[in-house]
Amino acid sequence: LDFGYGTPACGDPDPRPPVLARVHFLHFTVLL
């Protein structure tokens, strides 16, 4: 999902699903 959607550039809208946009990868690390 990360590589598929990519990281939006600053100022661009964020089209990513909430699991990417709202869950920081460090939080994902803890959950995993």
PDB file of all heavy atoms in Angstrom:
ATOM      1  N   LEU A   1       0.827  -1.210   0.000  1.00  0.00           N
ATOM      2  CA  LEU A   1       0.000   0.000   0.000  1.00  0.00           C
ATOM      3  C   LEU A   1       0.856   1.252   0.000  1.00  0.00           C
ATOM      4  O   LEU A   1       0.562   2.228  -0.704  1.00  0.00           O
ATOM      5  CB  LEU A   1      -0.924  -0.011   1.226  1.00  0.00           C
ATOM      6  CG  LEU A   1      -2.039  -1.058   1.242  1.00  0.00           C
ATOM      7  CD1 LEU A   1      -2.759  -1.053   2.582  1.00  0.00           C
ATOM      8  CD2 LEU A   1      -3.031  -0.790   0.112  1.00  0.00           C
ATOM      9  N   ASP A   2       1.939   1.232   0.792  1.00  0.00           N
ATOM     10  CA  ASP A   2       2.818   2.401   0.864  1.00  0.00           C
ATOM     11  C   ASP A   2       3.441   2.717  -0.483  1.00  0.00           C
ATOM     12  O   ASP A   2       3.428   3.865  -0.938  1.00  0.00           O
ATOM     13  CB  ASP A   2       3.920   2.162   1.901  1.00  0.00           C
ATOM     14  CG  ASP A   2       3.619   2.857   3.218  1.00  0.00           C
ATOM     15  OD1 ASP A   2       2.583   3.533   3.299  1.00  0.00           O
ATOM     16  OD2 ASP A   2       4.409   2.714   4.160  1.00  0.00           O
ATOM     17  N   PHE A   3       4.001   1.699  -1.134  1.00  0.00           N
ATOM     18  CA  PHE A   3       4.647   1.939  -2.420  1.00  0.00           C
ATOM     19  C   PHE A   3       3.628   2.139  -3.533  1.00  0.00           C
ATOM     20  O   PHE A   3       3.902   2.826  -4.513  1.00  0.00           O
ATOM     21  CB  PHE A   3       5.591   0.788  -2.766  1.00  0.00           C
ATOM     22  CG  PHE A   3       6.896   0.844  -2.038  1.00  0.00           C
ATOM     23  CD1 PHE A   3       7.131   0.050  -0.928  1.00  0.00           C
ATOM     24  CD2 PHE A   3       7.896   1.701  -2.441  1.00  0.00           C
ATOM     25  CE1 PHE A   3       8.326   0.103  -0.244  1.00  0.00           C
ATOM     26  CE2 PHE A   3       9.098   1.770  -1.768  1.00  0.00           C
ATOM     27  CZ  PHE A   3       9.320   0.960  -0.664  1.00  0.00           C
ATOM     28  N   GLY A   4       2.453   1.514  -3.381  1.00  0.00           N
ATOM     29  CA  GLY A   4       1.424   1.698  -4.394  1.00  0.00           C
ATOM     30  C   GLY A   4       0.866   3.111  -4.420  1.00  0.00           C
ATOM     31  O   GLY A   4       0.725   3.727  -5.488  1.00  0.00           O
ATOM     32  N   TYR A   5       0.548   3.642  -3.258  1.00  0.00           N
ATOM     33  CA  TYR A   5       0.005   5.000  -3.185  1.00  0.00           C
ATOM     34  C   TYR A   5       1.107   6.051  -3.198  1.00  0.00           C
ATOM     35  O   TYR A   5       0.891   7.171  -3.669  1.00  0.00           O
ATOM     36  CB  TYR A   5      -0.837   5.160  -1.911  1.00  0.00           C
ATOM     37  CG  TYR A   5      -2.206   4.543  -2.007  1.00  0.00           C
ATOM     38  CD1 TYR A   5      -2.448   3.258  -1.541  1.00  0.00           C
ATOM     39  CD2 TYR A   5      -3.275   5.245  -2.570  1.00  0.00           C
ATOM     40  CE1 TYR A   5      -3.703   2.683  -1.619  1.00  0.00           C
ATOM     41  CE2 TYR A   5      -4.535   4.682  -2.652  1.00  0.00           C
ATOM     42  CZ  TYR A   5      -4.747   3.402  -2.173  1.00  0.00           C
ATOM     43  OH  TYR A   5      -5.997   2.839  -2.258  1.00  0.00           O
ATOM     44  N   GLY A   6       2.269   5.699  -2.662  1.00  0.00           N
ATOM     45  CA  GLY A   6       3.338   6.682  -2.563  1.00  0.00           C
ATOM     46  C   GLY A   6       3.072   7.692  -1.464  1.00  0.00           C
ATOM     47  O   GLY A   6       1.994   7.723  -0.864  1.00  0.00           O
ATOM     48  N   THR A   7       4.068   8.518  -1.208  1.00  0.00           N
ATOM     49  CA  THR A   7       3.927   9.575  -0.210  1.00  0.00           C
ATOM     50  C   THR A   7       3.569  10.867  -0.928  1.00  0.00           C
ATOM     51  O   THR A   7       4.348  11.336  -1.757  1.00  0.00           O
ATOM     52  CB  THR A   7       5.235   9.767   0.579  1.00  0.00           C
ATOM     53  OG1 THR A   7       5.599   8.527   1.184  1.00  0.00           O
ATOM     54  CG2 THR A   7       5.066  10.825   1.650  1.00  0.00           C
ATOM     55  N   PRO A   8       2.408  11.447  -0.650  1.00  0.00           N
ATOM     56  CA  PRO A   8       2.027  12.681  -1.354  1.00  0.00           C
ATOM     57  C   PRO A   8       2.994  13.806  -1.044  1.00  0.00           C
ATOM     58  O   PRO A   8       3.476  13.944   0.090  1.00  0.00           O
ATOM     59  CB  PRO A   8       0.625  12.970  -0.815  1.00  0.00           C
ATOM     60  CG  PRO A   8       0.547  12.262   0.495  1.00  0.00           C
ATOM     61  CD  PRO A   8       1.402  11.048   0.348  1.00  0.00           C
ATOM     62  N   ALA A   9       3.301  14.604  -2.068  1.00  0.00           N
ATOM     63  CA  ALA A   9       4.182  15.746  -1.856  1.00  0.00           C
ATOM     64  C   ALA A   9       3.485  16.787  -0.993  1.00  0.00           C
ATOM     65  O   ALA A   9       2.254  16.821  -0.887  1.00  0.00           O
ATOM     66  CB  ALA A   9       4.579  16.348  -3.207  1.00  0.00           C
ATOM     67  N   CYS A  10       4.293  17.603  -0.374  1.00  0.00           N
ATOM     68  CA  CYS A  10       3.737  18.645   0.486  1.00  0.00           C
ATOM     69  C   CYS A  10       2.798  19.541  -0.318  1.00  0.00           C
ATOM     70  O   CYS A  10       3.151  20.015  -1.409  1.00  0.00           O
ATOM     71  CB  CYS A  10       4.864  19.478   1.090  1.00  0.00           C
ATOM     72  SG  CYS A  10       4.307  20.715   2.273  1.00  0.00           S
ATOM     73  N   GLY A  11       1.612  19.747   0.209  1.00  0.00           N
ATOM     74  CA  GLY A  11       0.623  20.579  -0.470  1.00  0.00           C
ATOM     75  C   GLY A  11      -0.347  19.811  -1.327  1.00  0.00           C
ATOM     76  O   GLY A  11      -1.399  20.346  -1.712  1.00  0.00           O
ATOM     77  N   ASP A  12      -0.030  18.530  -1.661  1.00  0.00           N
ATOM     78  CA  ASP A  12      -0.937  17.711  -2.462  1.00  0.00           C
ATOM     79  C   ASP A  12      -1.971  17.051  -1.558  1.00  0.00           C
ATOM     80  O   ASP A  12      -1.692  16.767  -0.389  1.00  0.00           O
ATOM     81  CB  ASP A  12      -0.160  16.633  -3.219  1.00  0.00           C
ATOM     82  CG  ASP A  12       0.721  17.209  -4.317  1.00  0.00           C
ATOM     83  OD1 ASP A  12       0.559  18.410  -4.620  1.00  0.00           O
ATOM     84  OD2 ASP A  12       1.567  16.463  -4.846  1.00  0.00           O
ATOM     85  N   PRO A  13      -3.169  16.772  -2.091  1.00  0.00           N
ATOM     86  CA  PRO A  13      -4.167  16.033  -1.290  1.00  0.00           C
ATOM     87  C   PRO A  13      -3.682  14.616  -1.024  1.00  0.00           C
ATOM     88  O   PRO A  13      -2.928  14.036  -1.801  1.00  0.00           O
ATOM     89  CB  PRO A  13      -5.405  16.043  -2.192  1.00  0.00           C
ATOM     90  CG  PRO A  13      -4.887  16.270  -3.571  1.00  0.00           C
ATOM     91  CD  PRO A  13      -3.676  17.133  -3.424  1.00  0.00           C
ATOM     92  N   ASP A  14      -4.126  14.059   0.101  1.00  0.00           N
ATOM     93  CA  ASP A  14      -3.717  12.720   0.507  1.00  0.00           C
ATOM     94  C   ASP A  14      -4.804  11.721   0.153  1.00  0.00           C
ATOM     95  O   ASP A  14      -5.827  11.625   0.827  1.00  0.00           O
ATOM     96  CB  ASP A  14      -3.461  12.695   2.017  1.00  0.00           C
ATOM     97  CG  ASP A  14      -2.730  11.427   2.447  1.00  0.00           C
ATOM     98  OD1 ASP A  14      -2.681  10.475   1.654  1.00  0.00           O
ATOM     99  OD2 ASP A  14      -2.203  11.402   3.580  1.00  0.00           O
ATOM    100  N   PRO A  15      -4.606  10.939  -0.935  1.00  0.00           N
ATOM    101  CA  PRO A  15      -5.642   9.982  -1.358  1.00  0.00           C
ATOM    102  C   PRO A  15      -5.531   8.626  -0.676  1.00  0.00           C
ATOM    103  O   PRO A  15      -6.290   7.713  -0.988  1.00  0.00           O
ATOM    104  CB  PRO A  15      -5.354   9.850  -2.861  1.00  0.00           C
ATOM    105  CG  PRO A  15      -3.866   9.979  -2.950  1.00  0.00           C
ATOM    106  CD  PRO A  15      -3.448  10.926  -1.849  1.00  0.00           C
ATOM    107  N   ARG A  16      -4.617   8.471   0.242  1.00  0.00           N
ATOM    108  CA  ARG A  16      -4.354   7.168   0.835  1.00  0.00           C
ATOM    109  C   ARG A  16      -5.464   6.770   1.801  1.00  0.00           C
ATOM    110  O   ARG A  16      -6.108   7.629   2.419  1.00  0.00           O
ATOM    111  CB  ARG A  16      -3.012   7.192   1.574  1.00  0.00           C
ATOM    112  CG  ARG A  16      -1.817   7.470   0.695  1.00  0.00           C
ATOM    113  CD  ARG A  16      -0.531   7.533   1.521  1.00  0.00           C
ATOM    114  NE  ARG A  16      -0.573   8.613   2.499  1.00  0.00           N
ATOM    115  CZ  ARG A  16       0.340   8.809   3.440  1.00  0.00           C
ATOM    116  NH1 ARG A  16       1.364   7.969   3.533  1.00  0.00           N
ATOM    117  NH2 ARG A  16       0.232   9.811   4.290  1.00  0.00           N
ATOM    118  N   PRO A  17      -5.694   5.460   1.967  1.00  0.00           N
ATOM    119  CA  PRO A  17      -6.692   5.002   2.945  1.00  0.00           C
ATOM    120  C   PRO A  17      -6.239   5.335   4.356  1.00  0.00           C
ATOM    121  O   PRO A  17      -5.054   5.583   4.602  1.00  0.00           O
ATOM    122  CB  PRO A  17      -6.745   3.487   2.705  1.00  0.00           C
ATOM    123  CG  PRO A  17      -5.438   3.148   2.067  1.00  0.00           C
ATOM    124  CD  PRO A  17      -5.073   4.339   1.240  1.00  0.00           C
ATOM    125  N   PRO A  18      -7.161   5.343   5.312  1.00  0.00           N
ATOM    126  CA  PRO A  18      -6.810   5.720   6.694  1.00  0.00           C
ATOM    127  C   PRO A  18      -5.699   4.883   7.302  1.00  0.00           C
ATOM    128  O   PRO A  18      -4.935   5.372   8.129  1.00  0.00           O
ATOM    129  CB  PRO A  18      -8.127   5.531   7.450  1.00  0.00           C
ATOM    130  CG  PRO A  18      -9.187   5.709   6.409  1.00  0.00           C
ATOM    131  CD  PRO A  18      -8.609   5.149   5.147  1.00  0.00           C
ATOM    132  N   VAL A  19      -5.589   3.588   6.910  1.00  0.00           N
ATOM    133  CA  VAL A  19      -4.558   2.734   7.495  1.00  0.00           C
ATOM    134  C   VAL A  19      -3.161   3.245   7.163  1.00  0.00           C
ATOM    135  O   VAL A  19      -2.199   2.960   7.875  1.00  0.00           O
ATOM    136  CB  VAL A  19      -4.725   1.280   7.003  1.00  0.00           C
ATOM    137  CG1 VAL A  19      -4.378   1.158   5.525  1.00  0.00           C
ATOM    138  CG2 VAL A  19      -3.881   0.328   7.843  1.00  0.00           C
ATOM    139  N   LEU A  20      -3.052   4.032   6.091  1.00  0.00           N
ATOM    140  CA  LEU A  20      -1.776   4.639   5.746  1.00  0.00           C
ATOM    141  C   LEU A  20      -1.682   6.075   6.248  1.00  0.00           C
ATOM    142  O   LEU A  20      -0.678   6.480   6.837  1.00  0.00           O
ATOM    143  CB  LEU A  20      -1.567   4.627   4.222  1.00  0.00           C
ATOM    144  CG  LEU A  20      -1.392   3.276   3.540  1.00  0.00           C
ATOM    145  CD1 LEU A  20      -1.160   3.468   2.051  1.00  0.00           C
ATOM    146  CD2 LEU A  20      -0.243   2.501   4.146  1.00  0.00           C
ATOM    147  N   ALA A  21      -2.739   6.832   5.988  1.00  0.00           N
ATOM    148  CA  ALA A  21      -2.692   8.259   6.298  1.00  0.00           C
ATOM    149  C   ALA A  21      -2.685   8.531   7.792  1.00  0.00           C
ATOM    150  O   ALA A  21      -2.086   9.505   8.250  1.00  0.00           O
ATOM    151  CB  ALA A  21      -3.875   8.968   5.633  1.00  0.00           C
ATOM    152  N   ARG A  22      -3.340   7.686   8.585  1.00  0.00           N
ATOM    153  CA  ARG A  22      -3.506   7.975  10.008  1.00  0.00           C
ATOM    154  C   ARG A  22      -2.701   7.072  10.942  1.00  0.00           C
ATOM    155  O   ARG A  22      -2.611   7.355  12.133  1.00  0.00           O
ATOM    156  CB  ARG A  22      -4.992   7.866  10.371  1.00  0.00           C
ATOM    157  CG  ARG A  22      -5.874   8.870   9.628  1.00  0.00           C
ATOM    158  CD  ARG A  22      -7.334   8.718  10.041  1.00  0.00           C
ATOM    159  NE  ARG A  22      -8.191   9.617   9.280  1.00  0.00           N
ATOM    160  CZ  ARG A  22      -9.521   9.670   9.406  1.00  0.00           C
ATOM    161  NH1 ARG A  22     -10.130   8.850  10.288  1.00  0.00           N
ATOM    162  NH2 ARG A  22     -10.216  10.501   8.672  1.00  0.00           N
ATOM    163  N   VAL A  23      -2.165   5.986  10.417  1.00  0.00           N
ATOM    164  CA  VAL A  23      -1.363   5.075  11.242  1.00  0.00           C
ATOM    165  C   VAL A  23       0.099   5.230  10.858  1.00  0.00           C
ATOM    166  O   VAL A  23       0.538   4.752   9.813  1.00  0.00           O
ATOM    167  CB  VAL A  23      -1.814   3.605  11.074  1.00  0.00           C
ATOM    168  CG1 VAL A  23      -0.967   2.690  11.955  1.00  0.00           C
ATOM    169  CG2 VAL A  23      -3.291   3.462  11.408  1.00  0.00           C
ATOM    170  N   HIS A  24       0.843   5.934  11.684  1.00  0.00           N
ATOM    171  CA  HIS A  24       2.271   6.151  11.437  1.00  0.00           C
ATOM    172  C   HIS A  24       2.997   4.807  11.421  1.00  0.00           C
ATOM    173  O   HIS A  24       2.606   3.865  12.105  1.00  0.00           O
ATOM    174  CB  HIS A  24       2.843   7.046  12.533  1.00  0.00           C
ATOM    175  CG  HIS A  24       4.194   7.596  12.219  1.00  0.00           C
ATOM    176  ND1 HIS A  24       5.357   6.890  12.466  1.00  0.00           N
ATOM    177  CD2 HIS A  24       4.583   8.784  11.677  1.00  0.00           C
ATOM    178  CE1 HIS A  24       6.400   7.625  12.101  1.00  0.00           C
ATOM    179  NE2 HIS A  24       5.963   8.782  11.627  1.00  0.00           N
ATOM    180  N   PHE A  25       4.068   4.720  10.629  1.00  0.00           N
ATOM    181  CA  PHE A  25       4.740   3.421  10.515  1.00  0.00           C
ATOM    182  C   PHE A  25       5.336   2.976  11.851  1.00  0.00           C
ATOM    183  O   PHE A  25       5.484   1.775  12.088  1.00  0.00           O
ATOM    184  CB  PHE A  25       5.800   3.464   9.412  1.00  0.00           C
ATOM    185  CG  PHE A  25       7.116   4.072   9.790  1.00  0.00           C
ATOM    186  CD1 PHE A  25       8.118   3.312  10.376  1.00  0.00           C
ATOM    187  CD2 PHE A  25       7.374   5.411   9.538  1.00  0.00           C
ATOM    188  CE1 PHE A  25       9.337   3.872  10.709  1.00  0.00           C
ATOM    189  CE2 PHE A  25       8.582   5.975   9.869  1.00  0.00           C
ATOM    190  CZ  PHE A  25       9.572   5.208  10.456  1.00  0.00           C
ATOM    191  N   LEU A  26       5.675   3.902  12.748  1.00  0.00           N
ATOM    192  CA  LEU A  26       6.151   3.494  14.061  1.00  0.00           C
ATOM    193  C   LEU A  26       5.028   2.888  14.895  1.00  0.00           C
ATOM    194  O   LEU A  26       5.241   1.925  15.644  1.00  0.00           O
ATOM    195  CB  LEU A  26       6.765   4.682  14.793  1.00  0.00           C
ATOM    196  CG  LEU A  26       8.124   5.167  14.269  1.00  0.00           C
ATOM    197  CD1 LEU A  26       8.572   6.414  15.020  1.00  0.00           C
ATOM    198  CD2 LEU A  26       9.179   4.071  14.385  1.00  0.00           C
ATOM    199  N   HIS A  27       3.821   3.437  14.772  1.00  0.00           N
ATOM    200  CA  HIS A  27       2.670   2.831  15.445  1.00  0.00           C
ATOM    201  C   HIS A  27       2.363   1.467  14.839  1.00  0.00           C
ATOM    202  O   HIS A  27       2.014   0.521  15.552  1.00  0.00           O
ATOM    203  CB  HIS A  27       1.452   3.748  15.328  1.00  0.00           C
ATOM    204  CG  HIS A  27       1.579   4.998  16.142  1.00  0.00           C
ATOM    205  ND1 HIS A  27       0.789   6.115  15.941  1.00  0.00           N
ATOM    206  CD2 HIS A  27       2.406   5.319  17.164  1.00  0.00           C
ATOM    207  CE1 HIS A  27       1.122   7.056  16.804  1.00  0.00           C
ATOM    208  NE2 HIS A  27       2.096   6.603  17.551  1.00  0.00           N
ATOM    209  N   PHE A  28       2.481   1.376  13.523  1.00  0.00           N
ATOM    210  CA  PHE A  28       2.275   0.088  12.857  1.00  0.00           C
ATOM    211  C   PHE A  28       3.287  -0.942  13.365  1.00  0.00           C
ATOM    212  O   PHE A  28       2.950  -2.115  13.561  1.00  0.00           O
ATOM    213  CB  PHE A  28       2.408   0.252  11.344  1.00  0.00           C
ATOM    214  CG  PHE A  28       2.373  -1.041  10.585  1.00  0.00           C
ATOM    215  CD1 PHE A  28       1.163  -1.666  10.309  1.00  0.00           C
ATOM    216  CD2 PHE A  28       3.542  -1.651  10.157  1.00  0.00           C
ATOM    217  CE1 PHE A  28       1.128  -2.873   9.612  1.00  0.00           C
ATOM    218  CE2 PHE A  28       3.524  -2.847   9.466  1.00  0.00           C
ATOM    219  CZ  PHE A  28       2.306  -3.459   9.195  1.00  0.00           C
ATOM    220  N   THR A  29       4.523  -0.511  13.591  1.00  0.00           N
ATOM    221  CA  THR A  29       5.555  -1.400  14.119  1.00  0.00           C
ATOM    222  C   THR A  29       5.145  -1.996  15.460  1.00  0.00           C
ATOM    223  O   THR A  29       5.283  -3.201  15.694  1.00  0.00           O
ATOM    224  CB  THR A  29       6.879  -0.630  14.265  1.00  0.00           C
ATOM    225  OG1 THR A  29       7.330  -0.207  12.973  1.00  0.00           O
ATOM    226  CG2 THR A  29       7.945  -1.497  14.919  1.00  0.00           C
ATOM    227  N   VAL A  30       4.604  -1.170  16.347  1.00  0.00           N
ATOM    228  CA  VAL A  30       4.177  -1.644  17.665  1.00  0.00           C
ATOM    229  C   VAL A  30       3.002  -2.605  17.537  1.00  0.00           C
ATOM    230  O   VAL A  30       2.974  -3.672  18.166  1.00  0.00           O
ATOM    231  CB  VAL A  30       3.800  -0.452  18.566  1.00  0.00           C
ATOM    232  CG1 VAL A  30       3.317  -0.944  19.925  1.00  0.00           C
ATOM    233  CG2 VAL A  30       4.988   0.489  18.735  1.00  0.00           C
ATOM    234  N   LEU A  31       2.011  -2.242  16.713  1.00  0.00           N
ATOM    235  CA  LEU A  31       0.846  -3.107  16.529  1.00  0.00           C
ATOM    236  C   LEU A  31       1.240  -4.453  15.940  1.00  0.00           C
ATOM    237  O   LEU A  31       0.737  -5.498  16.365  1.00  0.00           O
ATOM    238  CB  LEU A  31      -0.179  -2.408  15.625  1.00  0.00           C
ATOM    239  CG  LEU A  31      -0.824  -1.140  16.190  1.00  0.00           C
ATOM    240  CD1 LEU A  31      -1.707  -0.472  15.126  1.00  0.00           C
ATOM    241  CD2 LEU A  31      -1.651  -1.467  17.426  1.00  0.00           C
ATOM    242  N   LEU A  32       2.149  -4.440  14.968  1.00  0.00           N
ATOM    243  CA  LEU A  32       2.596  -5.682  14.349  1.00  0.00           C
ATOM    244  C   LEU A  32       3.350  -6.545  15.365  1.00  0.00           C
ATOM    245  O   LEU A  32       3.190  -7.778  15.387  1.00  0.00           O
ATOM    246  CB  LEU A  32       3.495  -5.367  13.150  1.00  0.00           C
ATOM    247  CG  LEU A  32       4.031  -6.557  12.351  1.00  0.00           C
ATOM    248  CD1 LEU A  32       2.874  -7.393  11.796  1.00  0.00           C
ATOM    249  CD2 LEU A  32       4.932  -6.075  11.215  1.00  0.00           C
TER     250      LEU A  32
END
